[in-house]
């Protein structure tokens, strides 16, 4: 229950399953929550909840209504369901597939709970590469370039789950220059630390301290 005092709800020595919301920094420990959530490509599930919500970034009222009605028909009992921005215009079968994948993850986690000891990590987040793919991949992608054979294998394995047709566009970088340099990423990173911000139409903005402020 969310009401009442924390000292009335919890007692010293009890075991709780929590999720890290914010990593530790300096002398502050991590921020944790018992409101667990698991993100998929189109959906986020929250066990022990009972609601449906749609991303605010989906602006079209008709599409928002369609997704909400669809979510209510596929929502399992005792789960909250959030439709992410990527769910816009997505078919019912794709949403169901994403939901089933998340429920399988939850079932595996539940099995581990009974054997877990305090301080044990029961489930981890996706790797940075997999999170980028989960959130950004769509049919417009023509090529995914990676810089190690291990990452190529991991990427293809993850794509097999979320977008099997995309496996064939994963390529290993063979250029003598590192992948960031070859594709101009290094240059873009350096530009973000400069005082000049370039616009696409040839204009630019300069951000710097004025002499008066100094």
C-alpha atoms as a PDB file:
ATOM      1  CA  UNK A   1       0.000   0.000   0.000  1.00  0.00           C
ATOM      2  CA  UNK A   2       1.182   3.518  -0.813  1.00  0.00           C
ATOM      3  CA  UNK A   3      -0.633   5.231   2.069  1.00  0.00           C
ATOM      4  CA  UNK A   4       0.628   5.625   5.626  1.00  0.00           C
ATOM      5  CA  UNK A   5       4.138   5.962   7.016  1.00  0.00           C
ATOM      6  CA  UNK A   6       7.058   3.983   5.613  1.00  0.00           C
ATOM      7  CA  UNK A   7       7.922   2.849   9.160  1.00  0.00           C
ATOM      8  CA  UNK A   8       4.474   1.265   9.438  1.00  0.00           C
ATOM      9  CA  UNK A   9       4.729  -0.523   6.088  1.00  0.00           C
ATOM     10  CA  UNK A  10       8.273  -1.894   6.390  1.00  0.00           C
ATOM     11  CA  UNK A  11      10.182  -3.551   9.204  1.00  0.00           C
ATOM     12  CA  UNK A  12      13.896  -4.030   9.713  1.00  0.00           C
ATOM     13  CA  UNK A  13      15.072  -7.403   8.372  1.00  0.00           C
ATOM     14  CA  UNK A  14      12.375  -7.741   5.697  1.00  0.00           C
ATOM     15  CA  UNK A  15      13.419  -8.570   2.141  1.00  0.00           C
ATOM     16  CA  UNK A  16      12.177  -6.413  -0.715  1.00  0.00           C
ATOM     17  CA  UNK A  17      12.547  -6.660  -4.467  1.00  0.00           C
ATOM     18  CA  UNK A  18      13.493  -3.214  -5.765  1.00  0.00           C
ATOM     19  CA  UNK A  19      14.522  -1.638  -9.046  1.00  0.00           C
ATOM     20  CA  UNK A  20      17.300   0.931  -9.315  1.00  0.00           C
ATOM     21  CA  UNK A  21      15.804   4.171 -10.654  1.00  0.00           C
ATOM     22  CA  UNK A  22      18.946   6.267 -10.373  1.00  0.00           C
ATOM     23  CA  UNK A  23      22.572   5.170 -10.130  1.00  0.00           C
ATOM     24  CA  UNK A  24      24.672   6.170  -7.083  1.00  0.00           C
ATOM     25  CA  UNK A  25      26.633   9.404  -7.406  1.00  0.00           C
ATOM     26  CA  UNK A  26      29.348  10.852  -5.151  1.00  0.00           C
ATOM     27  CA  UNK A  27      28.357  10.043  -1.541  1.00  0.00           C
ATOM     28  CA  UNK A  28      24.684   9.392  -2.392  1.00  0.00           C
ATOM     29  CA  UNK A  29      23.470   5.838  -2.753  1.00  0.00           C
ATOM     30  CA  UNK A  30      21.222   4.603  -5.576  1.00  0.00           C
ATOM     31  CA  UNK A  31      17.557   5.575  -5.670  1.00  0.00           C
ATOM     32  CA  UNK A  32      15.377   2.459  -5.645  1.00  0.00           C
ATOM     33  CA  UNK A  33      11.666   1.776  -6.034  1.00  0.00           C
ATOM     34  CA  UNK A  34       9.257  -1.117  -5.496  1.00  0.00           C
ATOM     35  CA  UNK A  35       7.228   0.104  -8.496  1.00  0.00           C
ATOM     36  CA  UNK A  36       8.878  -2.245 -10.984  1.00  0.00           C
ATOM     37  CA  UNK A  37       8.721  -1.580 -14.720  1.00  0.00           C
ATOM     38  CA  UNK A  38       9.985  -3.429 -17.797  1.00  0.00           C
ATOM     39  CA  UNK A  39      10.319  -1.689 -21.144  1.00  0.00           C
ATOM     40  CA  UNK A  40       9.879  -3.357 -24.513  1.00  0.00           C
ATOM     41  CA  UNK A  41       9.944  -1.901 -27.994  1.00  0.00           C
ATOM     42  CA  UNK A  42       6.350  -0.656 -27.940  1.00  0.00           C
ATOM     43  CA  UNK A  43       5.179  -1.245 -24.365  1.00  0.00           C
ATOM     44  CA  UNK A  44       6.168  -0.863 -20.730  1.00  0.00           C
ATOM     45  CA  UNK A  45       4.640  -3.255 -18.196  1.00  0.00           C
ATOM     46  CA  UNK A  46       4.337  -2.572 -14.464  1.00  0.00           C
ATOM     47  CA  UNK A  47       3.495  -5.612 -12.305  1.00  0.00           C
ATOM     48  CA  UNK A  48       1.014  -5.189  -9.412  1.00  0.00           C
ATOM     49  CA  UNK A  49      -0.621  -2.185 -11.096  1.00  0.00           C
ATOM     50  CA  UNK A  50      -3.905  -1.765 -12.982  1.00  0.00           C
ATOM     51  CA  UNK A  51      -3.929   1.034 -15.554  1.00  0.00           C
ATOM     52  CA  UNK A  52      -3.429   1.847 -19.234  1.00  0.00           C
ATOM     53  CA  UNK A  53      -1.716   5.000 -20.469  1.00  0.00           C
ATOM     54  CA  UNK A  54      -0.456   6.259 -23.825  1.00  0.00           C
ATOM     55  CA  UNK A  55       2.670   8.329 -24.473  1.00  0.00           C
ATOM     56  CA  UNK A  56       1.953  12.076 -24.571  1.00  0.00           C
ATOM     57  CA  UNK A  57       4.145  12.308 -27.670  1.00  0.00           C
ATOM     58  CA  UNK A  58       1.430  10.507 -29.653  1.00  0.00           C
ATOM     59  CA  UNK A  59      -0.582  13.598 -30.456  1.00  0.00           C
ATOM     60  CA  UNK A  60      -3.329  12.366 -32.794  1.00  0.00           C
ATOM     61  CA  UNK A  61      -6.509  11.825 -30.694  1.00  0.00           C
ATOM     62  CA  UNK A  62      -7.851   9.084 -32.998  1.00  0.00           C
ATOM     63  CA  UNK A  63      -4.618   7.056 -32.775  1.00  0.00           C
ATOM     64  CA  UNK A  64      -4.441   7.613 -29.026  1.00  0.00           C
ATOM     65  CA  UNK A  65      -7.977   6.269 -28.650  1.00  0.00           C
ATOM     66  CA  UNK A  66      -7.211   3.231 -30.868  1.00  0.00           C
ATOM     67  CA  UNK A  67      -4.135   2.346 -28.831  1.00  0.00           C
ATOM     68  CA  UNK A  68      -5.901   2.756 -25.500  1.00  0.00           C
ATOM     69  CA  UNK A  69      -8.791   0.515 -26.566  1.00  0.00           C
ATOM     70  CA  UNK A  70      -6.337  -2.046 -27.956  1.00  0.00           C
ATOM     71  CA  UNK A  71      -4.248  -1.990 -24.771  1.00  0.00           C
ATOM     72  CA  UNK A  72      -7.345  -2.603 -22.640  1.00  0.00           C
ATOM     73  CA  UNK A  73      -8.156  -5.747 -24.650  1.00  0.00           C
ATOM     74  CA  UNK A  74      -4.648  -7.276 -24.346  1.00  0.00           C
ATOM     75  CA  UNK A  75      -3.730  -6.074 -20.817  1.00  0.00           C
ATOM     76  CA  UNK A  76      -3.177  -8.972 -18.398  1.00  0.00           C
ATOM     77  CA  UNK A  77      -4.759  -8.812 -14.944  1.00  0.00           C
ATOM     78  CA  UNK A  78      -2.680  -7.056 -12.274  1.00  0.00           C
ATOM     79  CA  UNK A  79      -0.401  -5.314 -14.768  1.00  0.00           C
ATOM     80  CA  UNK A  80      -0.162  -1.666 -15.710  1.00  0.00           C
ATOM     81  CA  UNK A  81       0.457  -0.987 -19.400  1.00  0.00           C
ATOM     82  CA  UNK A  82       2.145   2.051 -20.959  1.00  0.00           C
ATOM     83  CA  UNK A  83       2.191   2.451 -24.738  1.00  0.00           C
ATOM     84  CA  UNK A  84       5.446   4.064 -25.855  1.00  0.00           C
ATOM     85  CA  UNK A  85       5.789   6.589 -28.681  1.00  0.00           C
ATOM     86  CA  UNK A  86       7.059   3.816 -30.985  1.00  0.00           C
ATOM     87  CA  UNK A  87       3.633   2.094 -30.704  1.00  0.00           C
ATOM     88  CA  UNK A  88       2.026   4.711 -32.974  1.00  0.00           C
ATOM     89  CA  UNK A  89       0.323   3.004 -35.969  1.00  0.00           C
ATOM     90  CA  UNK A  90       1.625  -0.421 -34.879  1.00  0.00           C
ATOM     91  CA  UNK A  91      -0.581  -3.484 -35.514  1.00  0.00           C
ATOM     92  CA  UNK A  92      -2.225  -5.503 -32.754  1.00  0.00           C
ATOM     93  CA  UNK A  93      -0.132  -8.630 -33.406  1.00  0.00           C
ATOM     94  CA  UNK A  94       3.119  -6.657 -32.999  1.00  0.00           C
ATOM     95  CA  UNK A  95       1.928  -5.192 -29.698  1.00  0.00           C
ATOM     96  CA  UNK A  96       0.915  -8.663 -28.496  1.00  0.00           C
ATOM     97  CA  UNK A  97       4.314 -10.089 -29.447  1.00  0.00           C
ATOM     98  CA  UNK A  98       6.066  -7.334 -27.499  1.00  0.00           C
ATOM     99  CA  UNK A  99       3.780  -7.900 -24.507  1.00  0.00           C
ATOM    100  CA  UNK A 100       4.390 -11.670 -24.527  1.00  0.00           C
ATOM    101  CA  UNK A 101       8.153 -11.090 -24.623  1.00  0.00           C
ATOM    102  CA  UNK A 102       7.927  -8.824 -21.560  1.00  0.00           C
ATOM    103  CA  UNK A 103       5.692 -11.284 -19.689  1.00  0.00           C
ATOM    104  CA  UNK A 104       8.199 -14.082 -20.370  1.00  0.00           C
ATOM    105  CA  UNK A 105      10.916 -11.864 -18.891  1.00  0.00           C
ATOM    106  CA  UNK A 106       8.746 -11.284 -15.829  1.00  0.00           C
ATOM    107  CA  UNK A 107       8.026 -15.011 -15.408  1.00  0.00           C
ATOM    108  CA  UNK A 108      11.755 -15.819 -15.500  1.00  0.00           C
ATOM    109  CA  UNK A 109      12.403 -13.114 -12.920  1.00  0.00           C
ATOM    110  CA  UNK A 110       9.713 -14.488 -10.592  1.00  0.00           C
ATOM    111  CA  UNK A 111      11.324 -17.943 -10.747  1.00  0.00           C
ATOM    112  CA  UNK A 112      14.660 -16.444  -9.676  1.00  0.00           C
ATOM    113  CA  UNK A 113      13.183 -14.566  -6.712  1.00  0.00           C
ATOM    114  CA  UNK A 114      12.695 -17.677  -4.584  1.00  0.00           C
ATOM    115  CA  UNK A 115      16.386 -18.633  -4.832  1.00  0.00           C
ATOM    116  CA  UNK A 116      17.768 -15.094  -4.591  1.00  0.00           C
ATOM    117  CA  UNK A 117      19.766 -13.828  -1.614  1.00  0.00           C
ATOM    118  CA  UNK A 118      19.724 -10.198  -0.435  1.00  0.00           C
ATOM    119  CA  UNK A 119      21.923  -7.990  -2.598  1.00  0.00           C
ATOM    120  CA  UNK A 120      21.544 -10.214  -5.663  1.00  0.00           C
ATOM    121  CA  UNK A 121      20.849  -8.721  -9.096  1.00  0.00           C
ATOM    122  CA  UNK A 122      17.888 -10.714 -10.408  1.00  0.00           C
ATOM    123  CA  UNK A 123      17.503  -8.924 -13.751  1.00  0.00           C
ATOM    124  CA  UNK A 124      19.681  -6.383 -15.536  1.00  0.00           C
ATOM    125  CA  UNK A 125      18.978  -3.711 -18.117  1.00  0.00           C
ATOM    126  CA  UNK A 126      19.757  -4.220 -21.804  1.00  0.00           C
ATOM    127  CA  UNK A 127      23.189  -3.259 -23.083  1.00  0.00           C
ATOM    128  CA  UNK A 128      23.559   0.288 -24.410  1.00  0.00           C
ATOM    129  CA  UNK A 129      23.606  -0.983 -28.025  1.00  0.00           C
ATOM    130  CA  UNK A 130      20.438  -3.067 -27.528  1.00  0.00           C
ATOM    131  CA  UNK A 131      18.627  -0.135 -25.864  1.00  0.00           C
ATOM    132  CA  UNK A 132      19.438   2.083 -28.860  1.00  0.00           C
ATOM    133  CA  UNK A 133      18.140  -0.579 -31.249  1.00  0.00           C
ATOM    134  CA  UNK A 134      14.999  -1.150 -29.164  1.00  0.00           C
ATOM    135  CA  UNK A 135      14.126   2.550 -29.125  1.00  0.00           C
ATOM    136  CA  UNK A 136      15.178   3.642 -32.619  1.00  0.00           C
ATOM    137  CA  UNK A 137      15.061   0.759 -35.105  1.00  0.00           C
ATOM    138  CA  UNK A 138      12.478   0.983 -37.887  1.00  0.00           C
ATOM    139  CA  UNK A 139      12.051   0.090 -41.568  1.00  0.00           C
ATOM    140  CA  UNK A 140      14.030   3.161 -42.666  1.00  0.00           C
ATOM    141  CA  UNK A 141      17.318   1.676 -41.438  1.00  0.00           C
ATOM    142  CA  UNK A 142      19.546   0.577 -44.338  1.00  0.00           C
ATOM    143  CA  UNK A 143      22.683  -0.435 -42.455  1.00  0.00           C
ATOM    144  CA  UNK A 144      23.887  -1.007 -38.884  1.00  0.00           C
ATOM    145  CA  UNK A 145      27.683  -0.845 -38.564  1.00  0.00           C
ATOM    146  CA  UNK A 146      29.468  -2.358 -35.549  1.00  0.00           C
ATOM    147  CA  UNK A 147      33.170  -2.462 -34.734  1.00  0.00           C
ATOM    148  CA  UNK A 148      33.714  -5.932 -33.202  1.00  0.00           C
ATOM    149  CA  UNK A 149      32.677  -9.482 -34.174  1.00  0.00           C
ATOM    150  CA  UNK A 150      31.257  -9.975 -30.644  1.00  0.00           C
ATOM    151  CA  UNK A 151      29.008  -6.926 -30.964  1.00  0.00           C
ATOM    152  CA  UNK A 152      27.903  -8.080 -34.421  1.00  0.00           C
ATOM    153  CA  UNK A 153      26.812 -11.427 -32.968  1.00  0.00           C
ATOM    154  CA  UNK A 154      25.048  -9.762 -30.000  1.00  0.00           C
ATOM    155  CA  UNK A 155      23.279  -7.272 -32.297  1.00  0.00           C
ATOM    156  CA  UNK A 156      22.082  -9.980 -34.681  1.00  0.00           C
ATOM    157  CA  UNK A 157      20.856 -12.078 -31.731  1.00  0.00           C
ATOM    158  CA  UNK A 158      18.835  -9.174 -30.323  1.00  0.00           C
ATOM    159  CA  UNK A 159      17.431  -8.211 -33.737  1.00  0.00           C
ATOM    160  CA  UNK A 160      16.300 -11.809 -34.224  1.00  0.00           C
ATOM    161  CA  UNK A 161      13.916 -11.194 -31.312  1.00  0.00           C
ATOM    162  CA  UNK A 162      12.635  -7.669 -32.090  1.00  0.00           C
ATOM    163  CA  UNK A 163      13.074  -7.322 -35.888  1.00  0.00           C
ATOM    164  CA  UNK A 164      14.231 -10.516 -37.646  1.00  0.00           C
ATOM    165  CA  UNK A 165      14.234  -8.922 -41.114  1.00  0.00           C
ATOM    166  CA  UNK A 166      16.892  -6.432 -39.946  1.00  0.00           C
ATOM    167  CA  UNK A 167      19.545  -9.052 -39.150  1.00  0.00           C
ATOM    168  CA  UNK A 168      20.932  -8.915 -42.676  1.00  0.00           C
ATOM    169  CA  UNK A 169      21.760  -5.187 -42.501  1.00  0.00           C
ATOM    170  CA  UNK A 170      24.281  -5.609 -39.637  1.00  0.00           C
ATOM    171  CA  UNK A 171      27.799  -5.070 -41.029  1.00  0.00           C
ATOM    172  CA  UNK A 172      31.236  -5.332 -39.433  1.00  0.00           C
ATOM    173  CA  UNK A 173      33.448  -2.233 -39.811  1.00  0.00           C
ATOM    174  CA  UNK A 174      36.674  -3.052 -41.715  1.00  0.00           C
ATOM    175  CA  UNK A 175      38.055   0.440 -42.399  1.00  0.00           C
ATOM    176  CA  UNK A 176      41.507   1.213 -40.910  1.00  0.00           C
ATOM    177  CA  UNK A 177      39.985   4.264 -39.170  1.00  0.00           C
ATOM    178  CA  UNK A 178      37.870   3.536 -36.099  1.00  0.00           C
ATOM    179  CA  UNK A 179      34.109   3.479 -36.692  1.00  0.00           C
ATOM    180  CA  UNK A 180      33.432   6.871 -35.028  1.00  0.00           C
ATOM    181  CA  UNK A 181      36.060   8.624 -37.139  1.00  0.00           C
ATOM    182  CA  UNK A 182      34.997   6.914 -40.372  1.00  0.00           C
ATOM    183  CA  UNK A 183      31.369   8.022 -39.987  1.00  0.00           C
ATOM    184  CA  UNK A 184      32.076  11.508 -38.630  1.00  0.00           C
ATOM    185  CA  UNK A 185      30.759  10.804 -35.142  1.00  0.00           C
ATOM    186  CA  UNK A 186      34.006  11.939 -33.500  1.00  0.00           C
ATOM    187  CA  UNK A 187      33.696  15.275 -35.286  1.00  0.00           C
ATOM    188  CA  UNK A 188      30.092  15.710 -34.142  1.00  0.00           C
ATOM    189  CA  UNK A 189      31.061  15.002 -30.512  1.00  0.00           C
ATOM    190  CA  UNK A 190      33.824  17.628 -30.662  1.00  0.00           C
ATOM    191  CA  UNK A 191      31.393  20.148 -32.164  1.00  0.00           C
ATOM    192  CA  UNK A 192      29.070  19.802 -29.170  1.00  0.00           C
ATOM    193  CA  UNK A 193      31.859  21.176 -26.947  1.00  0.00           C
ATOM    194  CA  UNK A 194      32.573  24.137 -29.246  1.00  0.00           C
ATOM    195  CA  UNK A 195      31.062  27.603 -28.973  1.00  0.00           C
ATOM    196  CA  UNK A 196      29.603  27.568 -32.511  1.00  0.00           C
ATOM    197  CA  UNK A 197      26.357  25.664 -33.238  1.00  0.00           C
ATOM    198  CA  UNK A 198      25.822  25.102 -36.964  1.00  0.00           C
ATOM    199  CA  UNK A 199      22.345  25.091 -38.523  1.00  0.00           C
ATOM    200  CA  UNK A 200      21.394  23.100 -41.603  1.00  0.00           C
ATOM    201  CA  UNK A 201      20.681  26.182 -43.750  1.00  0.00           C
ATOM    202  CA  UNK A 202      24.174  27.658 -43.346  1.00  0.00           C
ATOM    203  CA  UNK A 203      23.486  29.854 -40.313  1.00  0.00           C
ATOM    204  CA  UNK A 204      25.087  29.365 -36.918  1.00  0.00           C
ATOM    205  CA  UNK A 205      24.755  30.361 -33.283  1.00  0.00           C
ATOM    206  CA  UNK A 206      27.666  31.368 -31.032  1.00  0.00           C
ATOM    207  CA  UNK A 207      27.449  30.682 -27.304  1.00  0.00           C
ATOM    208  CA  UNK A 208      30.184  32.170 -25.117  1.00  0.00           C
ATOM    209  CA  UNK A 209      30.803  34.233 -21.990  1.00  0.00           C
ATOM    210  CA  UNK A 210      30.641  37.981 -22.541  1.00  0.00           C
ATOM    211  CA  UNK A 211      33.480  40.172 -21.299  1.00  0.00           C
ATOM    212  CA  UNK A 212      31.093  42.011 -18.993  1.00  0.00           C
ATOM    213  CA  UNK A 213      30.133  38.774 -17.218  1.00  0.00           C
ATOM    214  CA  UNK A 214      33.822  37.920 -16.783  1.00  0.00           C
END
